[in-house]
Structure formats: C-alpha cells, structure tokens
Amino acid sequence: MTDLKKISHSKILIIGDIILDQYIWGDVSRISPEAPVPIVKVERNSNTLGGAGNVASNLSGLGCDVSIIGICGDDSSGLLLNKLLKEISVTNLLIKDKTRPTITKTRVMAQTQQLFRLDDEKTDILSKDIVDEILKVYKKQISNFDAVIISDYGKGLLQSADICQKLINIGKENNKPVVVDPKGKDWERYNNATCITPNTAELELVIGSKLSEDQTIVANSVKEVKDRYNLDMLLLTRGPKGMCLVDEQNNSFFIPTKAREVFDVSGAGDTVISTFTAGLGANLQSFDAAKIANDAAGIVVGKLGTQPVSFSELELNTKLDNDSETPSYIKISTLENAKILIKSWKTCGQKVVFTNGCFDLLHPGHVDLLHKSRALGDRLIIGLNSDDSVRRLKGSERPILSEQDRGSILSALGCVDLVVVFGEDTPLNLIENLQPDILIKGADYKMNEVVGREIVESYGGKVALVPLLKGHSTTGIAEKVKSGKK
C-alpha cells in the first residue's frame, strides 16, 4: 500500500494564471420594477483562490510546501490574493503588471444558484519585460522544489510558445518533473513536458474527433498524442469513467472512478494535477500517483464549488477503502473522522442534524424519532453512549446490547449517516466538536433542559424538539422480557 504521507512532504512550484474568485451571496424574493431581472438582497461576500490559485489550495491542503509564480494587477484584488495565499501558507512569487487588472471573476449567488458572473481581465500576451522577470524568478527558485506545475487557464501568461518551452526546458535541465494542465488545442507549446493532464473534451480538441468508448482505442489515442508532443507520460481524466494513464514505458492503465454522489465537478482537474504532481515529487511510481489523484478527484466532486481536498480527507478515504474487515454498511466513526466528514458535507451546503442517546434495544419509537430528525436536514449524526456511560446512567444491568452492536443496528437505518460513540455522561464535548446545524431531542424535554443548546445557538444553529411515538420504551421491553409477558 502506498504511504500517503510521502506526498505531504513534496515541494511544488506552480506557475500559471491565478484568479480571484469573488462570491456575492444573497436572497431573491422579487423582480426589479426597472427591468425583468431578480433583485438580490446581499447577505454576505466571500473570496477564494481560483485558477492556479486553486491548484495551490489543493497542494496546501495536502500539506505540501508550495510557491506560486504568476501575475497580478497593482490593485486591491492583488492585495486580496496575497492575503488569501498567506492564509494557506503558500509563498507568493506573483509579479505585478501595472498594465492589467488582477483577473477577477465575481459570481452573484442566490440559494447556491449562480445568477450571473462578472469577469475583470485582460488576456493579451505578456510584455517582454514581464516575461523576463517571470523567467528570472523561475530560474532562481526551481532548484528548491521537487516538481513543477504549469497551470494554463488561457489568460495570457502561458499563451506564448516561447515562455512555455523555456519553463519546460529549464525544469528538465534541473531534473524536475514538469506537469501541465493544458488549455486550447495548440499543444506545441507544451512539447517535451513530463506529463499533460487533459480531460476528455481537451484531448478531443487536440485529436480533432470524438474519443471512442473502446478502451483499446482510447489508449491508442492517448499514446499517439503522448508521442506527438514528446511527453514522458499522459494522464487523461475521463469523468465518471475514471482515468487513463500512459506511462514512461508506454504502458496504458485504466483506473476506474468510485461511485459517489456528484455535486460539482468544478476544480476536479486542479485536484488531479495537484495530487498527481505531489506524488511524482515524492518519487512515487506514476501509476500510484495517478491512483491517489483519482481518489482525490472522487472526493472533490462531492463538494460544492472549487473546494480543495485535504490530506485528512484523502487519508480517511484510503483507510475506509482498505478496511476489509468492517462491513460496508457500518457507519460508526471516530470523532476526528466525523469532523472531517462533517466539514466536507457542510462545504456542499448540506445541513447536519445531531441527536444522541443510548438506543439500547432499538424500538419503533427510536426509529420514528430518527426519521423525523433526518427530515429536518441532509445528514443525521447519532451520538451513542458508550457501554460504561450507559451503566453509569441506567444501572449495572444495562446496556443489554454492546456499543458495537447498538452502533451496527443504527448503521443499518437508511436515515442515519454517521454514529459516533462518546464515553461521557452527556454529549456536550461531542456537540462542541461537531457543531451540528440542528440539535434534536424528544418533545418530552423542555428547551432549557437540552444539553448543548447554548453551544448550538451561539454559532447560529437551531434546537428542535421532536414529538415522540407513545407507548414505546427500552425499559418497558426489558421488563416484559424479564417477566415473560407478551
């Protein structure tokens, strides 16, 4: 099994088109009287790194040492880029070009739906002075890194064959892998690169026709393009069909994707090139690096927007895949793993619901409560009292079933997404760590009796009391069993 930790030690230099992605989030409730357009009531603004900046975010999330070379304007957006890079510990080697603005895409969003986008950019080819400055920085820095990523978004920085070839040749002279995320159909400027990572549509532009579904034909097409541009290897991303890698020895490998719920494919290509290059930088075999990149892409398409994958998510994904002893339906998780999954769910805009209890001898009242709880959100997490905790609360004869058995039974319910066992008498610590959007208790409680209510409400969460199905209790069932009554 590949040691994932190796990739987190990679030092990667990125050169490419960095973009500031701005989001204006709001609510639409009426149409403007001035024109047939929606009125957006602005609620908040957010900014993220796009283009080559998203590649940097992915690498930073993997724990890599990252620097980025690119251009920005001498403006407020350029200052904001610097702030965002500093927040993720990426070294800023951006060069200011006073003749153009920082490339900025502003999206107006309403209830996660994009209404329109404003682009502020100038994409003509760079002046000779700026090119010379970029190459000067690149030559000075390259010896400090394990690999190079050329992230071409077609915004002017890499449109000249001259600059691309110089970047690739300098990389090769320094024995550094140079991996390219391409743009357009003119790949002559990428000649002699270590690898290019196109998606199917990008490869079809180059070969001038639709790519066949037949794997043999796909592999031959990839090999032909690889040879045409004198590449060491080529990694084709095929969406739901996975990947096709043609390696240094001209061997072809097809890596199937994993079945996942797909929310958004934005940024998946950035995730692939980041993880793959980090693997090469750590001296992994190209197949192993591609397999890890495929896993990372499978995680990131389950997120909303250009959200990078973290090392902890990738590590958890690998751990779950390799855990052959645990049945696939079991949803029992450690607290740390639960925090990773919840963060991922929340980035998709999903609402997380939490309830807790002993759930000893699951009965219709429990099932009814859990289904009603799940209906209030998108994900349901159960905090399950450990055996020791149940004994302290219920007496020495309880629990009747062990925490593993109780967790397994709860896992089998389709409305339950995760079970986290806690050893304290109350779930207070669990709630503080997981920060659910909605905290659920049965309607036999009063609001001021709900443990964790103040915590949940302090960050804008809600507490809900759910009506109980009458006539059902674990104690009642246990007494019937003891007495032999029906």
Protein backbone atom coordinates (compact mmCIF):
# COMPACT_ATOMS: atom_id res chain seq x y z
CA MET A 1 0.00 0.00 0.00
CA THR A 2 1.34 3.46 -0.92
CA ASP A 3 2.39 5.64 2.01
CA LEU A 4 0.22 8.72 1.60
CA LYS A 5 2.34 10.74 4.00
CA LYS A 6 5.10 10.89 1.36
CA ILE A 7 3.09 13.30 -0.78
CA SER A 8 2.71 15.76 2.09
CA HIS A 9 6.49 16.28 2.06
CA SER A 10 6.61 17.34 -1.60
CA LYS A 11 7.82 20.82 -2.53
CA ILE A 12 5.88 22.07 -5.54
CA LEU A 13 6.40 25.21 -7.65
CA ILE A 14 3.33 26.41 -9.57
CA ILE A 15 3.43 28.80 -12.48
CA GLY A 16 0.16 29.85 -14.03
CA ASP A 17 -2.89 32.06 -14.30
CA ILE A 18 -4.04 32.93 -10.79
CA ILE A 19 -7.63 34.13 -10.45
CA LEU A 20 -9.55 35.79 -7.63
CA ASP A 21 -12.99 34.17 -7.30
CA GLN A 22 -15.43 36.52 -5.57
CA TYR A 23 -18.91 35.46 -4.47
CA ILE A 24 -21.82 37.71 -3.56
CA TRP A 25 -24.37 35.62 -1.65
CA GLY A 26 -27.93 36.79 -1.26
CA ASP A 27 -31.64 36.09 -1.35
CA VAL A 28 -34.09 36.69 -4.19
CA SER A 29 -37.72 37.37 -3.34
CA ARG A 30 -38.86 39.76 -6.08
CA ILE A 31 -38.24 41.07 -9.59
CA SER A 32 -36.95 44.59 -10.21
CA PRO A 33 -39.53 47.16 -11.37
CA GLU A 34 -36.79 48.72 -13.52
CA ALA A 35 -36.12 45.65 -15.67
CA PRO A 36 -37.14 41.95 -15.73
CA VAL A 37 -34.25 40.90 -13.50
CA PRO A 38 -34.16 39.49 -9.96
CA ILE A 39 -33.31 41.75 -7.04
CA VAL A 40 -30.63 40.16 -4.88
CA LYS A 41 -30.59 41.18 -1.24
CA VAL A 42 -26.90 40.82 -0.34
CA GLU A 43 -26.26 38.77 2.79
CA ARG A 44 -22.51 38.12 2.65
CA ASN A 45 -19.39 38.16 0.46
CA SER A 46 -16.65 35.56 0.18
CA ASN A 47 -13.38 35.27 -1.74
CA THR A 48 -11.41 32.20 -2.80
CA LEU A 49 -8.37 31.41 -4.92
CA GLY A 50 -9.21 30.31 -8.47
CA GLY A 51 -7.24 29.10 -11.48
CA ALA A 52 -3.66 28.30 -10.49
CA GLY A 53 -4.61 29.55 -7.02
CA ASN A 54 -6.94 26.59 -6.61
CA VAL A 55 -4.05 24.29 -7.51
CA ALA A 56 -2.09 25.99 -4.70
CA SER A 57 -5.03 25.48 -2.31
CA ASN A 58 -5.14 21.78 -3.12
CA LEU A 59 -1.41 21.33 -2.58
CA SER A 60 -1.53 23.29 0.67
CA GLY A 61 -4.42 21.10 1.83
CA LEU A 62 -2.27 18.05 1.16
CA GLY A 63 0.44 19.51 3.42
CA CYS A 64 2.91 20.31 0.63
CA ASP A 65 5.42 23.18 0.63
CA VAL A 66 4.05 25.42 -2.15
CA SER A 67 5.14 28.54 -4.01
CA ILE A 68 3.33 30.20 -6.92
CA ILE A 69 4.62 32.36 -9.76
CA GLY A 70 2.14 34.41 -11.76
CA ILE A 71 0.96 37.92 -12.41
CA CYS A 72 -1.50 40.22 -10.72
CA GLY A 73 -2.50 43.84 -11.03
CA ASP A 74 -1.37 46.66 -8.82
CA ASP A 75 -4.82 46.85 -7.25
CA SER A 76 -6.98 45.86 -4.27
CA SER A 77 -7.72 42.45 -5.79
CA GLY A 78 -3.97 41.78 -5.96
CA LEU A 79 -3.68 42.63 -2.26
CA LEU A 80 -6.54 40.25 -1.53
CA LEU A 81 -4.79 37.47 -3.46
CA ASN A 82 -1.72 37.99 -1.29
CA LYS A 83 -3.87 37.74 1.86
CA LEU A 84 -5.55 34.51 0.69
CA LEU A 85 -2.21 32.92 -0.22
CA LYS A 86 -0.75 33.85 3.15
CA GLU A 87 -3.73 32.26 4.92
CA ILE A 88 -2.92 28.87 3.37
CA SER A 89 0.87 29.24 3.81
CA VAL A 90 1.64 29.48 0.08
CA THR A 91 4.69 31.58 -0.83
CA ASN A 92 3.65 34.46 -3.08
CA LEU A 93 6.02 34.98 -6.02
CA LEU A 94 3.47 36.97 -8.05
CA ILE A 95 4.75 39.75 -10.28
CA LYS A 96 2.76 42.97 -10.54
CA ASP A 97 1.81 44.07 -14.04
CA LYS A 98 0.52 47.64 -13.90
CA THR A 99 -0.92 47.35 -17.42
CA ARG A 100 -3.61 44.83 -16.47
CA PRO A 101 -6.03 44.16 -13.59
CA THR A 102 -5.84 41.16 -11.31
CA ILE A 103 -8.02 38.53 -13.02
CA THR A 104 -11.27 38.52 -11.04
CA LYS A 105 -14.47 36.52 -11.50
CA THR A 106 -17.41 37.81 -9.48
CA ARG A 107 -20.38 35.46 -9.13
CA VAL A 108 -23.75 36.58 -7.81
CA MET A 109 -25.39 33.67 -5.97
CA ALA A 110 -28.91 33.13 -4.63
CA GLN A 111 -29.63 29.97 -2.59
CA THR A 112 -26.49 28.28 -4.08
CA GLN A 113 -27.76 29.08 -7.62
CA GLN A 114 -25.47 31.26 -9.75
CA LEU A 115 -27.41 34.10 -11.35
CA PHE A 116 -24.58 35.62 -13.40
CA ARG A 117 -20.82 36.23 -13.45
CA LEU A 118 -18.71 39.36 -14.00
CA ASP A 119 -15.16 38.90 -15.39
CA ASP A 120 -12.50 41.58 -14.97
CA GLU A 121 -9.47 40.55 -17.03
CA LYS A 122 -7.02 41.43 -19.76
CA THR A 123 -5.71 38.33 -21.54
CA ASP A 124 -3.31 39.55 -24.21
CA ILE A 125 0.22 38.12 -24.33
CA LEU A 126 2.64 39.49 -21.74
CA SER A 127 5.24 42.15 -22.47
CA LYS A 128 8.87 41.07 -22.84
CA ASP A 129 9.82 42.80 -19.58
CA ILE A 130 7.23 40.82 -17.58
CA VAL A 131 8.24 37.55 -19.28
CA ASP A 132 11.91 38.19 -18.48
CA GLU A 133 11.02 38.89 -14.84
CA ILE A 134 8.97 35.66 -14.59
CA LEU A 135 11.82 33.59 -16.04
CA LYS A 136 14.31 35.24 -13.71
CA VAL A 137 12.23 34.30 -10.64
CA TYR A 138 11.63 30.79 -12.01
CA LYS A 139 15.34 30.10 -12.61
CA LYS A 140 16.21 31.35 -9.15
CA GLN A 141 13.58 29.22 -7.42
CA ILE A 142 13.41 25.92 -9.28
CA SER A 143 16.30 24.16 -7.51
CA ASN A 144 14.36 24.41 -4.23
CA PHE A 145 11.48 22.25 -5.47
CA ASP A 146 10.69 18.61 -6.26
CA ALA A 147 8.31 19.25 -9.19
CA VAL A 148 6.69 21.99 -11.26
CA ILE A 149 3.07 22.53 -12.31
CA ILE A 150 2.22 24.69 -15.31
CA SER A 151 -1.42 25.70 -14.81
CA ASP A 152 -2.68 27.20 -18.08
CA TYR A 153 -6.09 28.88 -17.89
CA GLY A 154 -5.70 30.75 -21.17
CA LYS A 155 -5.42 34.15 -19.52
CA GLY A 156 -2.25 35.35 -21.26
CA LEU A 157 0.59 34.17 -19.05
CA LEU A 158 1.24 30.90 -20.91
CA GLN A 159 -0.15 31.63 -24.37
CA SER A 160 3.31 32.21 -25.83
CA ALA A 161 5.12 29.06 -27.02
CA ASP A 162 8.38 30.79 -26.19
CA ILE A 163 7.70 31.13 -22.44
CA CYS A 164 6.22 27.63 -22.12
CA GLN A 165 9.17 25.99 -23.81
CA LYS A 166 11.63 27.91 -21.67
CA LEU A 167 9.80 26.87 -18.50
CA ILE A 168 9.74 23.20 -19.56
CA ASN A 169 13.36 23.15 -20.70
CA ILE A 170 14.61 24.82 -17.51
CA GLY A 171 12.65 22.26 -15.49
CA LYS A 172 14.14 19.37 -17.43
CA GLU A 173 17.66 20.78 -17.13
CA ASN A 174 17.18 20.77 -13.35
CA ASN A 175 15.75 17.21 -13.39
CA LYS A 176 12.36 18.34 -12.14
CA PRO A 177 9.10 16.78 -13.40
CA VAL A 178 7.06 19.44 -15.23
CA VAL A 179 3.34 18.63 -15.34
CA VAL A 180 0.95 20.70 -17.48
CA ASP A 181 -2.77 21.40 -17.13
CA PRO A 182 -3.48 22.39 -20.78
CA LYS A 183 -5.73 24.94 -22.42
CA GLY A 184 -6.88 25.03 -26.04
CA LYS A 185 -5.81 22.77 -28.90
CA ASP A 186 -2.35 24.18 -29.58
CA TRP A 187 -0.12 21.89 -27.54
CA GLU A 188 3.07 22.62 -29.43
CA ARG A 189 3.99 24.99 -26.61
CA TYR A 190 3.92 22.02 -24.19
CA ASN A 191 6.43 19.93 -26.18
CA ASN A 192 8.78 17.83 -24.02
CA ALA A 193 6.79 18.23 -20.80
CA THR A 194 6.91 15.36 -18.31
CA CYS A 195 3.14 14.93 -18.41
CA ILE A 196 -0.05 16.66 -19.58
CA THR A 197 -3.33 16.08 -17.70
CA PRO A 198 -6.24 16.82 -20.09
CA ASN A 199 -9.87 15.86 -19.61
CA THR A 200 -11.74 14.10 -22.42
CA ALA A 201 -13.00 17.32 -24.05
CA GLU A 202 -9.50 18.82 -24.07
CA LEU A 203 -7.98 15.71 -25.66
CA GLU A 204 -10.75 15.61 -28.27
CA LEU A 205 -9.83 19.18 -29.29
CA VAL A 206 -6.28 18.01 -29.98
CA ILE A 207 -7.13 14.80 -31.87
CA GLY A 208 -9.90 16.59 -33.79
CA SER A 209 -12.61 13.99 -33.18
CA LYS A 210 -14.75 12.36 -30.52
CA LEU A 211 -12.97 9.85 -28.30
CA SER A 212 -14.19 6.28 -28.61
CA GLU A 213 -15.66 4.38 -25.65
CA ASP A 214 -13.46 1.39 -26.50
CA GLN A 215 -10.52 1.21 -24.09
CA THR A 216 -8.07 -0.03 -26.72
CA ILE A 217 -8.87 2.90 -29.00
CA VAL A 218 -8.70 5.34 -26.05
CA ALA A 219 -5.26 4.01 -25.08
CA ASN A 220 -4.01 4.27 -28.68
CA SER A 221 -5.27 7.86 -28.94
CA VAL A 222 -3.52 8.80 -25.70
CA LYS A 223 -0.28 7.14 -26.86
CA GLU A 224 -0.44 8.94 -30.21
CA VAL A 225 -0.79 12.36 -28.53
CA LYS A 226 1.91 11.49 -26.00
CA ASP A 227 4.33 10.62 -28.81
CA ARG A 228 3.32 13.59 -30.93
CA TYR A 229 4.41 16.07 -28.24
CA ASN A 230 7.33 14.01 -26.93
CA LEU A 231 5.88 13.62 -23.45
CA ASP A 232 7.15 11.19 -20.83
CA MET A 233 3.56 10.31 -19.94
CA LEU A 234 -0.03 11.47 -20.35
CA LEU A 235 -2.84 11.26 -17.79
CA LEU A 236 -6.35 11.52 -19.25
CA THR A 237 -9.22 12.25 -16.84
CA ARG A 238 -12.48 10.72 -18.09
CA GLY A 239 -15.05 11.96 -15.57
CA PRO A 240 -17.26 9.09 -14.33
CA LYS A 241 -15.15 6.64 -16.38
CA GLY A 242 -12.07 7.32 -14.25
CA MET A 243 -8.63 7.84 -15.78
CA CYS A 244 -6.30 6.51 -18.44
CA LEU A 245 -2.57 6.75 -17.79
CA VAL A 246 0.08 6.04 -20.42
CA ASP A 247 3.34 5.90 -18.50
CA GLU A 248 7.03 6.32 -19.30
CA GLN A 249 7.28 2.82 -20.76
CA ASN A 250 4.19 3.40 -22.93
CA ASN A 251 2.10 1.05 -20.77
CA SER A 252 -1.57 2.01 -20.52
CA PHE A 253 -3.58 1.77 -17.29
CA PHE A 254 -7.29 2.38 -16.77
CA ILE A 255 -8.21 3.48 -13.26
CA PRO A 256 -11.96 3.27 -12.53
CA THR A 257 -13.63 6.03 -10.58
CA LYS A 258 -15.51 5.29 -7.38
CA ALA A 259 -19.30 5.60 -7.31
CA ARG A 260 -20.06 8.86 -5.46
CA GLU A 261 -22.77 11.46 -5.24
CA VAL A 262 -21.58 14.22 -7.57
CA PHE A 263 -22.39 17.78 -6.51
CA ASP A 264 -19.97 19.79 -8.64
CA VAL A 265 -17.06 18.90 -10.95
CA SER A 266 -15.59 22.42 -10.65
CA GLY A 267 -11.92 22.26 -9.80
CA ALA A 268 -11.60 18.48 -10.18
CA GLY A 269 -8.84 18.95 -12.77
CA ASP A 270 -6.91 21.14 -10.32
CA THR A 271 -7.21 18.43 -7.69
CA VAL A 272 -5.93 15.78 -10.11
CA ILE A 273 -2.84 17.69 -11.25
CA SER A 274 -2.05 18.77 -7.66
CA THR A 275 -2.21 15.28 -6.18
CA PHE A 276 -0.54 13.57 -9.14
CA THR A 277 2.36 16.04 -9.18
CA ALA A 278 2.76 15.81 -5.41
CA GLY A 279 3.06 12.06 -5.91
CA LEU A 280 5.72 12.45 -8.60
CA GLY A 281 7.54 14.96 -6.39
CA ALA A 282 7.60 12.31 -3.65
CA ASN A 283 9.15 9.82 -6.13
CA LEU A 284 6.04 7.63 -6.30
CA GLN A 285 5.55 5.48 -9.37
CA SER A 286 3.33 7.27 -11.90
CA PHE A 287 0.57 4.64 -11.53
CA ASP A 288 0.49 5.05 -7.74
CA ALA A 289 0.43 8.85 -8.08
CA ALA A 290 -2.44 8.60 -10.61
CA LYS A 291 -4.41 6.27 -8.34
CA ILE A 292 -4.15 8.69 -5.42
CA ALA A 293 -5.16 11.56 -7.75
CA ASN A 294 -8.19 9.54 -8.84
CA ASP A 295 -9.21 9.06 -5.19
CA ALA A 296 -8.80 12.79 -4.54
CA ALA A 297 -10.95 13.69 -7.56
CA GLY A 298 -13.65 11.34 -6.28
CA ILE A 299 -13.74 13.27 -3.02
CA VAL A 300 -13.70 16.77 -4.51
CA VAL A 301 -16.64 16.22 -6.92
CA GLY A 302 -18.74 15.58 -3.82
CA LYS A 303 -18.23 19.22 -2.80
CA LEU A 304 -19.94 22.39 -3.95
CA GLY A 305 -17.74 24.83 -5.87
CA THR A 306 -13.95 24.78 -6.13
CA GLN A 307 -13.26 23.25 -2.74
CA PRO A 308 -9.80 21.66 -2.35
CA VAL A 309 -9.33 18.18 -0.91
CA SER A 310 -7.44 17.93 2.37
CA PHE A 311 -4.84 15.35 3.35
CA SER A 312 -7.07 14.19 6.21
CA GLU A 313 -9.96 13.56 3.80
CA LEU A 314 -7.70 11.62 1.45
CA GLU A 315 -6.22 9.62 4.32
CA LEU A 316 -9.69 8.79 5.68
CA ASN A 317 -10.89 7.77 2.22
CA THR A 318 -7.94 5.38 1.83
CA LYS A 319 -8.43 3.98 5.32
CA LEU A 320 -12.10 3.22 4.67
CA ASP A 321 -11.30 1.61 1.31
CA ASN A 322 -8.69 -0.65 2.88
CA ASP A 323 -10.78 -1.66 5.88
CA SER A 324 -11.90 -5.03 4.56
CA GLU A 325 -12.91 -6.36 7.98
CA THR A 326 -15.71 -3.84 8.53
CA PRO A 327 -18.97 -4.38 6.58
CA SER A 328 -19.67 -1.53 4.16
CA TYR A 329 -22.95 -0.59 5.86
CA ILE A 330 -21.27 0.15 9.23
CA LYS A 331 -21.26 3.92 9.86
CA ILE A 332 -19.52 4.01 13.26
CA SER A 333 -16.83 6.70 13.21
CA THR A 334 -14.21 8.24 15.47
CA LEU A 335 -14.67 11.85 16.48
CA GLU A 336 -11.74 13.02 14.32
CA ASN A 337 -13.05 11.23 11.23
CA ALA A 338 -16.54 12.57 11.88
CA LYS A 339 -15.18 16.14 11.94
CA ILE A 340 -13.57 15.59 8.54
CA LEU A 341 -16.78 14.20 7.02
CA ILE A 342 -18.95 16.95 8.51
CA LYS A 343 -16.68 19.66 7.12
CA SER A 344 -16.96 18.04 3.70
CA TRP A 345 -20.77 17.86 3.95
CA LYS A 346 -21.04 21.47 5.01
CA THR A 347 -18.94 22.64 2.06
CA CYS A 348 -21.67 21.09 -0.11
CA GLY A 349 -24.26 23.26 1.63
CA GLN A 350 -25.71 20.26 3.46
CA LYS A 351 -27.45 20.73 6.80
CA VAL A 352 -26.17 18.47 9.58
CA VAL A 353 -28.61 17.18 12.22
CA PHE A 354 -27.49 15.67 15.54
CA THR A 355 -29.26 13.63 18.21
CA ASN A 356 -27.98 11.37 20.94
CA GLY A 357 -28.99 8.54 23.23
CA CYS A 358 -28.30 5.02 24.48
CA PHE A 359 -30.51 3.33 21.84
CA ASP A 360 -30.47 0.06 23.80
CA LEU A 361 -32.93 -2.37 22.15
CA LEU A 362 -33.98 -0.28 19.15
CA HIS A 363 -37.77 0.05 19.02
CA PRO A 364 -40.39 1.83 16.81
CA GLY A 365 -40.18 4.97 18.97
CA HIS A 366 -36.47 5.27 18.23
CA VAL A 367 -36.95 4.68 14.52
CA ASP A 368 -39.74 7.27 14.34
CA LEU A 369 -37.58 9.85 16.15
CA LEU A 370 -34.63 9.24 13.82
CA HIS A 371 -36.70 9.51 10.64
CA LYS A 372 -38.31 12.75 11.86
CA SER A 373 -34.87 14.11 12.77
CA ARG A 374 -33.37 13.25 9.36
CA ALA A 375 -36.27 15.01 7.63
CA LEU A 376 -35.11 18.32 9.15
CA GLY A 377 -31.75 18.25 7.35
CA ASP A 378 -29.50 16.48 4.87
CA ARG A 379 -27.28 14.39 7.17
CA LEU A 380 -28.08 12.72 10.51
CA ILE A 381 -25.39 12.01 13.09
CA ILE A 382 -26.10 9.97 16.22
CA GLY A 383 -24.09 10.44 19.39
CA LEU A 384 -24.19 7.00 21.01
CA ASN A 385 -23.46 6.49 24.72
CA SER A 386 -20.64 4.01 25.33
CA ASP A 387 -21.25 0.90 27.46
CA ASP A 388 -19.61 2.49 30.50
CA SER A 389 -21.66 5.65 30.03
CA VAL A 390 -24.91 3.64 29.83
CA ARG A 391 -24.03 1.71 33.01
CA ARG A 392 -23.50 4.95 34.91
CA LEU A 393 -26.80 6.36 33.65
CA LYS A 394 -29.02 3.27 33.63
CA GLY A 395 -27.52 0.88 36.18
CA SER A 396 -25.30 -2.20 36.19
CA GLU A 397 -27.73 -4.37 34.17
CA ARG A 398 -27.59 -2.05 31.17
CA PRO A 399 -26.81 -1.89 28.33
CA ILE A 400 -28.45 -5.06 27.09
CA LEU A 401 -26.54 -4.76 23.79
CA SER A 402 -22.92 -3.63 23.48
CA GLU A 403 -22.00 -0.28 21.90
CA GLN A 404 -20.68 -2.10 18.81
CA ASP A 405 -23.99 -3.99 18.39
CA ARG A 406 -26.08 -0.88 19.03
CA GLY A 407 -23.97 1.11 16.56
CA SER A 408 -24.25 -1.62 13.93
CA ILE A 409 -28.05 -1.74 14.21
CA LEU A 410 -28.30 2.08 13.93
CA SER A 411 -25.94 1.99 10.93
CA ALA A 412 -28.37 -0.25 9.07
CA LEU A 413 -31.02 2.51 9.06
CA GLY A 414 -31.05 4.48 5.81
CA CYS A 415 -31.83 7.73 7.65
CA VAL A 416 -28.61 7.52 9.69
CA ASP A 417 -25.39 8.85 8.13
CA LEU A 418 -22.92 8.53 11.00
CA VAL A 419 -22.68 7.08 14.53
CA VAL A 420 -20.12 8.49 16.97
CA VAL A 421 -19.65 6.77 20.35
CA PHE A 422 -18.94 9.03 23.37
CA GLY A 423 -17.86 7.99 26.85
CA GLU A 424 -19.03 10.99 28.89
CA ASP A 425 -22.42 11.17 30.63
CA THR A 426 -23.53 13.98 28.28
CA PRO A 427 -22.78 14.70 24.59
CA LEU A 428 -21.55 18.22 25.37
CA ASN A 429 -17.98 17.62 24.15
CA LEU A 430 -19.30 15.89 21.01
CA ILE A 431 -21.57 18.82 20.19
CA GLU A 432 -18.75 21.33 20.75
CA ASN A 433 -16.54 19.45 18.30
CA LEU A 434 -19.08 18.52 15.62
CA GLN A 435 -21.06 21.80 15.62
CA PRO A 436 -24.27 20.45 14.04
CA ASP A 437 -26.70 22.83 12.36
CA ILE A 438 -29.67 21.33 14.23
CA LEU A 439 -29.72 19.64 17.65
CA ILE A 440 -32.62 17.24 18.22
CA LYS A 441 -34.23 15.99 21.41
CA GLY A 442 -37.60 14.35 22.06
CA ALA A 443 -40.57 16.53 22.95
CA ASP A 444 -40.53 15.09 26.49
CA TYR A 445 -37.68 17.57 27.13
CA LYS A 446 -38.05 21.30 27.73
CA MET A 447 -35.78 23.69 25.79
CA ASN A 448 -33.85 24.70 28.91
CA GLU A 449 -33.14 21.01 29.63
CA VAL A 450 -31.41 20.29 26.31
CA VAL A 451 -27.69 19.72 26.80
CA GLY A 452 -25.66 21.72 24.28
CA ARG A 453 -28.46 24.17 23.39
CA GLU A 454 -26.38 27.24 24.29
CA ILE A 455 -23.42 26.00 22.21
CA VAL A 456 -25.52 25.31 19.11
CA GLU A 457 -27.39 28.61 19.33
CA SER A 458 -24.12 30.53 19.89
CA TYR A 459 -22.98 29.85 16.30
CA GLY A 460 -26.41 30.26 14.69
CA GLY A 461 -27.61 26.65 14.93
CA LYS A 462 -31.09 25.58 16.00
CA VAL A 463 -32.61 23.23 18.58
CA ALA A 464 -35.73 21.24 17.70
CA LEU A 465 -37.99 19.13 19.96
CA VAL A 466 -39.47 16.22 18.00
CA PRO A 467 -42.82 14.62 19.01
CA LEU A 468 -42.43 11.08 20.34
CA LEU A 469 -44.29 7.96 19.32
CA LYS A 470 -46.13 6.97 22.51
CA GLY A 471 -46.15 3.56 24.11
CA HIS A 472 -42.57 2.51 23.37
CA SER A 473 -39.53 2.32 25.68
CA THR A 474 -36.47 0.16 26.11
CA THR A 475 -37.19 -0.21 29.84
CA GLY A 476 -40.69 -1.48 29.07
CA ILE A 477 -39.34 -4.06 26.61
CA ALA A 478 -36.69 -5.22 29.09
CA GLU A 479 -39.30 -5.67 31.84
CA LYS A 480 -41.54 -7.69 29.53
CA VAL A 481 -38.63 -9.98 28.65
CA LYS A 482 -37.82 -10.48 32.35
CA SER A 483 -41.40 -11.22 33.33
CA GLY A 484 -42.14 -13.39 30.33
CA LYS A 485 -45.18 -11.26 29.44
CA LYS A 486 -46.24 -10.65 25.86
